[in-house]
Amino acid sequence: MAENPLVVVQVPEFIEDSLKYDTKYRRTVKWDVEKGDFVLDGANRMVECSGEEGFMIWCLKIVQTERYACLAYPKEIGAELEAALGEDKEKIVESMVERTITDALKVNPRTESVSHFSFTWDADEMHCSFLVKGMDWDKAFQITL
């Protein structure tokens, strides 16, 4: 009598990814926003900063990054400021900028709130400032664009 040609394979148990995100602020490499490069010490080594400072730098970089402009970033990263600034009416621009910045920053689970937007206009140039509060922070910090 011939053996059964079917092989029985045990399927491993599926382990679900955790739905809880890491919200700790971990040390990271310091970034110089003005230069657009990492901060180096006298020996040309990258300087570290606290996780809180790293989060603040991340927030500024995210709102300065145009969504869909860099193929290396997933679609959730960046703000759609170009589309917002293309509108004709100031109030519409302000509303769209507020929405896209809030959406961009809320991608990070460490962002508790984005609030207190203020806009000033100088001819066709818009200046925007707002407050960002990280999870478990006592105070918010201000970002100005």
N, C-alpha and C. Protein backbone atom coordinates (compact mmCIF):
# COMPACT_ATOMS: atom_id res chain seq x y z
N MET A 1 0.83 -1.16 0.00
CA MET A 1 0.00 0.00 0.00
C MET A 1 0.89 1.24 0.00
N ALA A 2 0.56 2.23 -0.86
CA ALA A 2 1.37 3.45 -1.02
C ALA A 2 1.07 4.42 0.12
N GLU A 3 2.13 5.18 0.47
CA GLU A 3 1.96 6.20 1.53
C GLU A 3 1.18 7.39 1.00
N ASN A 4 0.55 8.13 1.90
CA ASN A 4 -0.20 9.33 1.56
C ASN A 4 0.79 10.42 1.11
N PRO A 5 0.67 10.94 -0.12
CA PRO A 5 1.63 11.94 -0.61
C PRO A 5 1.41 13.33 -0.01
N LEU A 6 0.33 13.52 0.72
CA LEU A 6 0.07 14.83 1.32
C LEU A 6 0.86 15.00 2.61
N VAL A 7 1.47 16.14 2.75
CA VAL A 7 2.26 16.43 3.94
C VAL A 7 1.47 17.40 4.80
N VAL A 8 1.39 17.12 6.06
CA VAL A 8 0.69 18.00 6.99
C VAL A 8 1.73 18.92 7.63
N VAL A 9 1.46 20.24 7.52
CA VAL A 9 2.38 21.23 8.07
C VAL A 9 1.68 21.98 9.19
N GLN A 10 2.36 22.13 10.30
CA GLN A 10 1.80 22.90 11.40
C GLN A 10 1.98 24.39 11.09
N VAL A 11 0.91 25.13 11.12
CA VAL A 11 0.95 26.57 10.88
C VAL A 11 1.21 27.25 12.22
N PRO A 12 2.25 28.10 12.27
CA PRO A 12 2.53 28.76 13.55
C PRO A 12 1.41 29.72 13.93
N GLU A 13 1.29 29.95 15.22
CA GLU A 13 0.26 30.85 15.71
C GLU A 13 0.58 32.28 15.29
N PHE A 14 -0.43 32.98 14.83
CA PHE A 14 -0.27 34.37 14.38
C PHE A 14 -0.19 35.28 15.60
N ILE A 15 0.84 36.12 15.64
CA ILE A 15 1.00 37.07 16.74
C ILE A 15 0.65 38.45 16.21
N GLU A 16 -0.35 39.08 16.80
CA GLU A 16 -0.78 40.40 16.35
C GLU A 16 0.20 41.46 16.82
N ASP A 17 0.38 42.48 15.97
CA ASP A 17 1.18 43.63 16.38
C ASP A 17 0.44 44.37 17.49
N SER A 18 1.22 44.95 18.36
CA SER A 18 0.62 45.70 19.45
C SER A 18 0.01 46.98 18.91
N LEU A 19 -1.16 47.32 19.38
CA LEU A 19 -1.81 48.55 18.97
C LEU A 19 -1.33 49.73 19.80
N LYS A 20 -0.54 49.46 20.82
CA LYS A 20 -0.03 50.52 21.67
C LYS A 20 1.31 51.00 21.12
N TYR A 21 1.39 52.29 20.87
CA TYR A 21 2.61 52.88 20.32
C TYR A 21 3.56 53.27 21.44
N ASP A 22 4.83 53.29 21.11
CA ASP A 22 5.84 53.74 22.05
C ASP A 22 5.74 55.26 22.15
N THR A 23 5.47 55.76 23.34
CA THR A 23 5.34 57.21 23.51
C THR A 23 6.48 57.79 24.34
N LYS A 24 7.54 57.03 24.55
CA LYS A 24 8.68 57.54 25.31
C LYS A 24 9.51 58.46 24.41
N TYR A 25 10.10 59.45 25.05
CA TYR A 25 10.98 60.38 24.34
C TYR A 25 12.41 59.88 24.53
N ARG A 26 12.97 59.34 23.48
CA ARG A 26 14.31 58.75 23.57
C ARG A 26 15.36 59.71 23.00
N ARG A 27 16.57 59.60 23.54
CA ARG A 27 17.67 60.44 23.05
C ARG A 27 17.82 60.23 21.55
N THR A 28 18.26 61.28 20.88
CA THR A 28 18.41 61.19 19.44
C THR A 28 19.56 62.11 19.02
N VAL A 29 19.82 62.17 17.75
CA VAL A 29 20.87 63.03 17.23
C VAL A 29 20.31 64.44 17.05
N LYS A 30 21.09 65.43 17.46
CA LYS A 30 20.65 66.82 17.40
C LYS A 30 20.71 67.34 15.97
N TRP A 31 19.73 68.13 15.59
CA TRP A 31 19.60 68.67 14.24
C TRP A 31 19.65 70.19 14.30
N ASP A 32 20.44 70.80 13.42
CA ASP A 32 20.50 72.25 13.32
C ASP A 32 19.52 72.68 12.23
N VAL A 33 18.43 73.31 12.65
CA VAL A 33 17.38 73.69 11.72
C VAL A 33 17.88 74.74 10.73
N GLU A 34 18.68 75.67 11.20
CA GLU A 34 19.20 76.74 10.33
C GLU A 34 20.09 76.18 9.22
N LYS A 35 20.99 75.28 9.57
CA LYS A 35 21.92 74.69 8.60
C LYS A 35 21.27 73.57 7.79
N GLY A 36 20.26 72.94 8.37
CA GLY A 36 19.65 71.78 7.72
C GLY A 36 20.55 70.58 7.76
N ASP A 37 21.28 70.42 8.87
CA ASP A 37 22.23 69.32 8.99
C ASP A 37 22.37 68.93 10.46
N PHE A 38 22.99 67.78 10.70
CA PHE A 38 23.22 67.34 12.06
C PHE A 38 24.24 68.24 12.74
N VAL A 39 24.12 68.37 14.05
CA VAL A 39 25.07 69.15 14.84
C VAL A 39 26.26 68.26 15.14
N LEU A 40 27.46 68.79 14.87
CA LEU A 40 28.69 68.04 15.10
C LEU A 40 29.52 68.74 16.17
N ASP A 41 30.24 67.94 16.96
CA ASP A 41 31.13 68.53 17.96
C ASP A 41 32.50 68.80 17.32
N GLY A 42 33.48 69.23 18.14
CA GLY A 42 34.81 69.57 17.63
C GLY A 42 35.54 68.40 16.99
N ALA A 43 35.19 67.17 17.38
CA ALA A 43 35.82 65.97 16.81
C ALA A 43 35.02 65.42 15.65
N ASN A 44 34.07 66.20 15.14
CA ASN A 44 33.24 65.82 13.99
C ASN A 44 32.31 64.63 14.29
N ARG A 45 31.92 64.50 15.57
CA ARG A 45 30.97 63.46 15.96
C ARG A 45 29.59 64.11 16.12
N MET A 46 28.55 63.35 15.84
CA MET A 46 27.20 63.86 16.01
C MET A 46 26.89 64.05 17.49
N VAL A 47 26.23 65.16 17.78
CA VAL A 47 25.86 65.51 19.15
C VAL A 47 24.46 64.95 19.43
N GLU A 48 24.29 64.39 20.63
CA GLU A 48 22.98 63.87 21.01
C GLU A 48 22.17 64.97 21.70
N CYS A 49 20.86 64.79 21.69
CA CYS A 49 19.97 65.68 22.43
C CYS A 49 18.93 64.83 23.15
N SER A 50 18.21 65.45 24.05
CA SER A 50 17.17 64.72 24.78
C SER A 50 16.05 64.33 23.83
N GLY A 51 15.25 63.40 24.25
CA GLY A 51 14.11 62.99 23.45
C GLY A 51 13.09 64.10 23.27
N GLU A 52 12.94 64.94 24.29
CA GLU A 52 12.01 66.06 24.20
C GLU A 52 12.46 67.05 23.13
N GLU A 53 13.76 67.38 23.13
CA GLU A 53 14.28 68.29 22.11
C GLU A 53 14.18 67.65 20.73
N GLY A 54 14.43 66.36 20.64
CA GLY A 54 14.28 65.65 19.37
C GLY A 54 12.86 65.69 18.85
N PHE A 55 11.88 65.59 19.75
CA PHE A 55 10.48 65.68 19.35
C PHE A 55 10.17 67.08 18.81
N MET A 56 10.69 68.10 19.46
CA MET A 56 10.45 69.47 18.99
C MET A 56 11.05 69.67 17.60
N ILE A 57 12.24 69.14 17.37
CA ILE A 57 12.87 69.24 16.06
C ILE A 57 12.05 68.47 15.03
N TRP A 58 11.57 67.28 15.39
CA TRP A 58 10.75 66.47 14.49
C TRP A 58 9.51 67.26 14.07
N CYS A 59 8.86 67.92 15.03
CA CYS A 59 7.65 68.70 14.72
C CYS A 59 7.95 69.77 13.68
N LEU A 60 9.03 70.51 13.88
CA LEU A 60 9.39 71.57 12.94
C LEU A 60 9.70 71.00 11.56
N LYS A 61 10.44 69.90 11.52
CA LYS A 61 10.79 69.30 10.23
C LYS A 61 9.57 68.75 9.50
N ILE A 62 8.62 68.19 10.25
CA ILE A 62 7.42 67.62 9.62
C ILE A 62 6.60 68.70 8.94
N VAL A 63 6.41 69.85 9.62
CA VAL A 63 5.60 70.89 9.00
C VAL A 63 6.33 71.58 7.86
N GLN A 64 7.65 71.47 7.80
CA GLN A 64 8.41 72.04 6.69
C GLN A 64 8.54 71.07 5.51
N THR A 65 8.14 69.82 5.71
CA THR A 65 8.23 68.80 4.66
C THR A 65 6.91 68.73 3.92
N GLU A 66 6.97 68.91 2.62
CA GLU A 66 5.76 68.83 1.79
C GLU A 66 5.37 67.37 1.61
N ARG A 67 4.13 67.05 1.93
CA ARG A 67 3.64 65.68 1.78
C ARG A 67 3.69 65.25 0.33
N TYR A 68 4.07 64.03 0.08
CA TYR A 68 4.19 63.38 -1.24
C TYR A 68 5.38 63.90 -2.05
N ALA A 69 6.17 64.83 -1.53
CA ALA A 69 7.30 65.36 -2.30
C ALA A 69 8.53 64.45 -2.26
N CYS A 70 8.65 63.65 -1.23
CA CYS A 70 9.81 62.78 -1.08
C CYS A 70 9.33 61.33 -1.09
N LEU A 71 9.75 60.59 -2.08
CA LEU A 71 9.28 59.21 -2.22
C LEU A 71 9.75 58.31 -1.09
N ALA A 72 10.78 58.71 -0.35
CA ALA A 72 11.28 57.89 0.75
C ALA A 72 10.35 57.92 1.96
N TYR A 73 9.49 58.93 2.05
CA TYR A 73 8.59 59.06 3.20
C TYR A 73 7.24 58.45 2.87
N PRO A 74 6.61 57.82 3.88
CA PRO A 74 5.25 57.31 3.65
C PRO A 74 4.28 58.48 3.49
N LYS A 75 3.10 58.20 2.99
CA LYS A 75 2.13 59.26 2.68
C LYS A 75 1.66 60.01 3.91
N GLU A 76 1.86 59.48 5.10
CA GLU A 76 1.42 60.16 6.32
C GLU A 76 2.37 61.28 6.75
N ILE A 77 3.56 61.31 6.19
CA ILE A 77 4.59 62.25 6.63
C ILE A 77 4.54 63.53 5.81
N GLY A 78 4.46 64.66 6.50
CA GLY A 78 4.51 65.96 5.85
C GLY A 78 3.17 66.68 5.88
N ALA A 79 3.23 67.94 5.48
CA ALA A 79 2.04 68.79 5.43
C ALA A 79 1.79 69.23 3.99
N GLU A 80 0.57 69.55 3.68
CA GLU A 80 0.20 69.96 2.32
C GLU A 80 0.08 71.48 2.26
N LEU A 81 1.20 72.15 2.53
CA LEU A 81 1.19 73.61 2.58
C LEU A 81 1.08 74.24 1.19
N GLU A 82 1.68 73.63 0.19
CA GLU A 82 1.63 74.21 -1.17
C GLU A 82 0.19 74.31 -1.67
N ALA A 83 -0.60 73.28 -1.44
CA ALA A 83 -2.00 73.32 -1.86
C ALA A 83 -2.76 74.39 -1.08
N ALA A 84 -2.49 74.49 0.21
CA ALA A 84 -3.17 75.48 1.03
C ALA A 84 -2.82 76.90 0.60
N LEU A 85 -1.55 77.14 0.35
CA LEU A 85 -1.10 78.48 -0.03
C LEU A 85 -1.54 78.86 -1.44
N GLY A 86 -2.01 77.91 -2.21
CA GLY A 86 -2.48 78.18 -3.56
C GLY A 86 -3.89 78.75 -3.61
N GLU A 87 -4.58 78.77 -2.49
CA GLU A 87 -5.94 79.31 -2.44
C GLU A 87 -5.91 80.83 -2.52
N ASP A 88 -7.05 81.43 -2.91
CA ASP A 88 -7.13 82.88 -3.11
C ASP A 88 -7.44 83.66 -1.84
N LYS A 89 -8.30 83.14 -1.00
CA LYS A 89 -8.76 83.89 0.15
C LYS A 89 -7.94 83.55 1.39
N GLU A 90 -7.57 84.58 2.15
CA GLU A 90 -6.71 84.40 3.32
C GLU A 90 -7.34 83.46 4.35
N LYS A 91 -8.62 83.59 4.63
CA LYS A 91 -9.28 82.75 5.63
C LYS A 91 -9.28 81.28 5.22
N ILE A 92 -9.43 81.02 3.93
CA ILE A 92 -9.38 79.64 3.44
C ILE A 92 -7.97 79.09 3.60
N VAL A 93 -6.97 79.90 3.26
CA VAL A 93 -5.57 79.48 3.42
C VAL A 93 -5.29 79.16 4.88
N GLU A 94 -5.70 80.05 5.77
CA GLU A 94 -5.46 79.85 7.20
C GLU A 94 -6.12 78.57 7.70
N SER A 95 -7.34 78.32 7.29
CA SER A 95 -8.05 77.11 7.70
C SER A 95 -7.35 75.85 7.18
N MET A 96 -6.93 75.88 5.92
CA MET A 96 -6.26 74.72 5.34
C MET A 96 -4.89 74.48 5.97
N VAL A 97 -4.16 75.55 6.26
CA VAL A 97 -2.84 75.42 6.89
C VAL A 97 -3.01 74.83 8.30
N GLU A 98 -3.97 75.32 9.03
CA GLU A 98 -4.22 74.80 10.38
C GLU A 98 -4.56 73.32 10.33
N ARG A 99 -5.42 72.93 9.40
CA ARG A 99 -5.81 71.52 9.28
C ARG A 99 -4.63 70.63 8.91
N THR A 100 -3.86 71.04 7.89
CA THR A 100 -2.78 70.16 7.42
C THR A 100 -1.65 70.06 8.42
N ILE A 101 -1.35 71.14 9.15
CA ILE A 101 -0.31 71.08 10.18
C ILE A 101 -0.77 70.19 11.33
N THR A 102 -2.00 70.35 11.75
CA THR A 102 -2.53 69.52 12.84
C THR A 102 -2.51 68.05 12.45
N ASP A 103 -2.98 67.74 11.25
CA ASP A 103 -2.98 66.35 10.78
C ASP A 103 -1.56 65.78 10.71
N ALA A 104 -0.62 66.58 10.22
CA ALA A 104 0.77 66.11 10.08
C ALA A 104 1.39 65.80 11.43
N LEU A 105 1.14 66.64 12.41
CA LEU A 105 1.76 66.44 13.73
C LEU A 105 1.07 65.35 14.55
N LYS A 106 -0.21 65.14 14.33
CA LYS A 106 -0.94 64.14 15.09
C LYS A 106 -0.60 62.71 14.64
N VAL A 107 0.17 62.58 13.57
CA VAL A 107 0.64 61.25 13.14
C VAL A 107 1.50 60.63 14.24
N ASN A 108 2.22 61.48 14.95
CA ASN A 108 3.11 61.00 16.01
C ASN A 108 2.30 60.80 17.29
N PRO A 109 2.34 59.61 17.88
CA PRO A 109 1.56 59.37 19.10
C PRO A 109 2.05 60.19 20.29
N ARG A 110 3.19 60.83 20.17
CA ARG A 110 3.70 61.68 21.25
C ARG A 110 3.06 63.07 21.23
N THR A 111 2.32 63.41 20.19
CA THR A 111 1.67 64.71 20.08
C THR A 111 0.34 64.67 20.82
N GLU A 112 0.22 65.47 21.86
CA GLU A 112 -1.04 65.54 22.59
C GLU A 112 -1.98 66.55 21.96
N SER A 113 -1.46 67.73 21.62
CA SER A 113 -2.34 68.75 21.04
C SER A 113 -1.55 69.72 20.17
N VAL A 114 -2.26 70.29 19.21
CA VAL A 114 -1.75 71.37 18.34
C VAL A 114 -2.82 72.45 18.40
N SER A 115 -2.44 73.65 18.85
CA SER A 115 -3.47 74.66 19.09
C SER A 115 -2.92 76.09 18.98
N HIS A 116 -3.80 77.04 19.24
CA HIS A 116 -3.48 78.46 19.29
C HIS A 116 -2.76 78.96 18.04
N PHE A 117 -3.35 78.69 16.90
CA PHE A 117 -2.78 79.16 15.65
C PHE A 117 -2.98 80.67 15.54
N SER A 118 -1.95 81.36 15.07
CA SER A 118 -2.09 82.79 14.75
C SER A 118 -1.41 83.04 13.42
N PHE A 119 -2.02 83.89 12.63
CA PHE A 119 -1.54 84.18 11.28
C PHE A 119 -1.34 85.68 11.13
N THR A 120 -0.26 86.05 10.46
CA THR A 120 -0.04 87.44 10.06
C THR A 120 0.31 87.44 8.58
N TRP A 121 -0.16 88.45 7.90
CA TRP A 121 0.05 88.55 6.46
C TRP A 121 0.86 89.80 6.14
N ASP A 122 1.83 89.65 5.27
CA ASP A 122 2.63 90.76 4.76
C ASP A 122 2.58 90.65 3.23
N ALA A 123 1.63 91.36 2.64
CA ALA A 123 1.34 91.25 1.20
C ALA A 123 0.94 89.80 0.92
N ASP A 124 1.68 89.08 0.08
CA ASP A 124 1.37 87.69 -0.24
C ASP A 124 2.08 86.69 0.68
N GLU A 125 2.80 87.16 1.66
CA GLU A 125 3.57 86.30 2.55
C GLU A 125 2.80 86.05 3.85
N MET A 126 2.65 84.79 4.20
CA MET A 126 1.94 84.44 5.41
C MET A 126 2.92 83.95 6.46
N HIS A 127 2.74 84.38 7.70
CA HIS A 127 3.51 83.89 8.84
C HIS A 127 2.54 83.21 9.78
N CYS A 128 2.95 82.07 10.29
CA CYS A 128 2.06 81.27 11.12
C CYS A 128 2.81 80.83 12.37
N SER A 129 2.17 80.91 13.51
CA SER A 129 2.73 80.34 14.73
C SER A 129 1.64 79.55 15.44
N PHE A 130 2.05 78.55 16.18
CA PHE A 130 1.11 77.69 16.88
C PHE A 130 1.83 76.98 18.02
N LEU A 131 1.06 76.38 18.90
CA LEU A 131 1.61 75.66 20.04
C LEU A 131 1.43 74.15 19.85
N VAL A 132 2.44 73.41 20.27
CA VAL A 132 2.40 71.94 20.24
C VAL A 132 2.69 71.47 21.65
N LYS A 133 1.87 70.54 22.12
CA LYS A 133 2.09 69.96 23.45
C LYS A 133 2.34 68.48 23.28
N GLY A 134 3.45 68.03 23.84
CA GLY A 134 3.77 66.61 23.81
C GLY A 134 3.05 65.87 24.93
N MET A 135 2.90 64.57 24.76
CA MET A 135 2.26 63.75 25.80
C MET A 135 3.03 63.88 27.10
N ASP A 136 2.30 64.06 28.17
CA ASP A 136 2.86 64.14 29.52
C ASP A 136 3.75 65.36 29.75
N TRP A 137 3.60 66.41 28.94
CA TRP A 137 4.34 67.64 29.15
C TRP A 137 3.47 68.61 29.93
N ASP A 138 4.11 69.43 30.74
CA ASP A 138 3.37 70.45 31.48
C ASP A 138 3.04 71.64 30.61
N LYS A 139 3.95 71.98 29.71
CA LYS A 139 3.77 73.16 28.87
C LYS A 139 3.94 72.81 27.39
N ALA A 140 3.30 73.62 26.55
CA ALA A 140 3.44 73.48 25.10
C ALA A 140 4.62 74.35 24.64
N PHE A 141 5.12 74.07 23.45
CA PHE A 141 6.17 74.91 22.87
C PHE A 141 5.63 75.51 21.58
N GLN A 142 6.22 76.62 21.19
CA GLN A 142 5.74 77.36 20.02
C GLN A 142 6.61 77.08 18.80
N ILE A 143 5.94 76.96 17.66
CA ILE A 143 6.62 76.83 16.37
C ILE A 143 6.14 78.00 15.51
N THR A 144 7.09 78.66 14.86
CA THR A 144 6.77 79.77 13.95
C THR A 144 7.31 79.47 12.58
N LEU A 145 6.45 79.63 11.57
CA LEU A 145 6.85 79.40 10.17
C LEU A 145 6.76 80.71 9.42
